Protein backbone atom coordinates (compact mmCIF):
# COMPACT_ATOMS: atom_id res chain seq x y z
CA MET A 1 76.96 106.77 56.85
CA PRO A 2 76.71 105.18 53.39
CA LYS A 3 73.68 103.03 52.69
CA ASN A 4 73.81 99.32 51.80
CA VAL A 5 76.97 98.59 53.77
CA PRO A 6 77.28 94.83 54.10
CA PRO A 7 77.46 93.40 57.63
CA PHE A 8 80.94 92.73 58.92
CA GLU A 9 82.32 90.16 61.34
CA VAL A 10 84.25 90.89 64.52
CA THR A 11 86.12 88.33 66.64
CA CYS A 12 85.87 88.76 70.42
CA PRO A 13 89.36 88.98 71.97
CA CYS A 14 88.21 87.33 75.20
CA CYS A 15 86.27 84.26 74.11
CA SER A 16 87.09 84.12 70.35
CA ALA A 17 83.40 84.21 69.43
CA VAL A 18 82.47 85.68 66.06
CA LEU A 19 79.93 88.54 66.04
CA LYS A 20 78.20 89.67 62.84
CA VAL A 21 77.50 93.41 63.06
CA ASP A 22 75.13 95.41 60.85
CA ALA A 23 76.44 98.95 60.31
CA GLU A 24 73.04 100.41 59.40
CA ILE A 25 71.23 99.38 62.59
CA LYS A 26 74.47 99.52 64.62
CA GLY A 27 73.84 96.21 66.32
CA VAL A 28 74.81 92.55 66.45
CA ILE A 29 72.69 90.46 64.10
CA ALA A 30 74.39 87.08 64.54
CA HIS A 31 76.65 85.34 67.02
CA THR A 32 78.78 82.24 66.59
CA ALA A 33 80.29 80.81 69.77
CA ALA A 34 83.89 79.69 69.70
CA VAL A 35 84.48 75.96 69.46
CA LYS A 36 86.13 74.69 72.61
CA PRO A 37 88.53 71.79 72.09
CA LYS A 38 87.72 68.60 73.97
CA MET A 39 89.96 67.78 76.89
CA PHE A 40 89.86 64.05 76.20
CA ALA A 41 89.37 62.11 72.99
CA ASP A 42 87.29 59.35 74.56
CA ILE A 43 85.77 58.26 77.87
CA GLU A 44 88.55 55.75 78.60
CA GLU A 45 91.18 58.46 78.43
CA ALA A 46 89.12 60.64 80.80
CA ALA A 47 88.73 57.74 83.25
CA ARG A 48 92.47 57.04 83.08
CA ALA A 49 93.25 60.71 83.79
CA MET A 50 90.89 60.72 86.77
CA LYS A 51 92.51 57.57 88.16
CA GLU A 52 95.98 59.13 87.78
CA GLN A 53 94.74 62.26 89.55
CA ASP A 54 93.34 60.13 92.40
CA THR A 55 96.62 58.26 92.86
CA ARG A 56 98.56 61.52 92.78
CA ARG A 57 96.25 63.06 95.41
CA ASP A 58 96.59 59.96 97.62
CA SER A 59 100.37 60.07 97.27
CA ILE A 60 100.51 63.73 98.30
CA PHE A 61 98.22 63.05 101.27
CA ARG A 62 100.33 60.07 102.35
CA GLN A 63 103.50 62.18 102.16
CA SER A 64 101.95 64.93 104.30
CA VAL A 65 100.80 62.40 106.91
CA GLU A 66 104.28 60.87 107.04
CA ALA A 67 105.86 64.33 107.38
CA GLN A 68 103.53 65.21 110.26
CA ALA A 69 104.23 61.88 111.97
CA ALA A 70 107.97 62.55 111.68
CA GLY A 71 107.47 66.03 113.16
CA GLY A 72 108.87 67.77 110.11
CA ASN A 73 105.96 69.93 109.01
CA PRO A 74 103.45 71.15 111.62
CA GLY A 75 99.94 71.54 110.26
CA TYR A 76 99.45 75.16 111.27
CA VAL A 77 102.26 76.61 109.14
CA SER A 78 101.07 77.62 105.70
CA ARG A 79 103.17 78.12 102.62
CA ALA A 80 101.76 81.62 102.18
CA ASN A 81 102.72 82.69 105.70
CA PRO A 82 105.71 80.73 107.02
CA TYR A 83 105.31 82.12 110.54
CA PRO A 84 103.32 79.79 112.80
CA ILE A 85 99.93 80.87 114.08
CA TYR A 86 99.85 80.28 117.82
CA ALA A 87 96.50 79.69 119.49
CA TRP A 88 96.02 81.10 122.97
CA SER A 89 94.47 79.04 125.71
CA ARG A 90 91.15 80.33 127.02
CA ALA A 91 92.60 81.19 130.45
CA LEU A 92 95.51 83.17 128.96
CA PHE A 93 93.15 85.05 126.64
CA TRP A 94 90.88 86.14 129.52
CA LEU A 95 93.84 87.03 131.75
CA VAL A 96 95.32 89.31 129.09
CA SER A 97 91.89 90.78 128.28
CA ILE A 98 91.21 91.61 131.95
CA CYS A 99 94.67 93.15 132.34
CA ILE A 100 94.15 95.36 129.29
CA ALA A 101 90.70 96.40 130.51
CA GLY A 102 92.20 97.25 133.93
CA VAL A 103 94.93 99.38 132.37
CA ILE A 104 92.32 101.25 130.32
CA TRP A 105 90.10 101.73 133.38
CA ILE A 106 92.99 103.02 135.52
CA GLY A 107 94.12 105.34 132.74
CA ALA A 108 90.61 106.73 132.32
CA SER A 109 90.26 107.34 136.07
CA ILE A 110 93.61 109.18 136.15
CA VAL A 111 92.53 111.39 133.26
CA GLU A 112 89.19 112.06 134.98
CA ARG A 113 90.91 113.04 138.26
CA SER A 114 93.30 115.36 136.47
CA ARG A 115 90.36 117.12 134.80
CA ARG A 116 88.61 117.60 138.18
CA VAL A 117 91.70 119.08 139.79
CA GLY A 118 92.64 121.34 136.83
């Protein structure tokens, strides 16, 4: 590599930071972080935006409460999965579990008897 190569600058494609690289030592010698633009010009504008966000959130909540009161949108149906998720009662859960365990037990005993005979 030629000697006395001046350092060069590289811009990061992810964060737009500027890196100064020295070719002789093959390393970064300086770093300048990208300047992030401010979201709001002043504190009053930020407070106004927060107040608008609060009113919007309250409006959405009020609409969902009204929809549930009207019976239009049950709470257990999500937008990602439009099929309702049904919860089993405790008695039904244990009844089904015991029936499944009984079927497995009977099946295992039948297999065991067939092995003894054969």
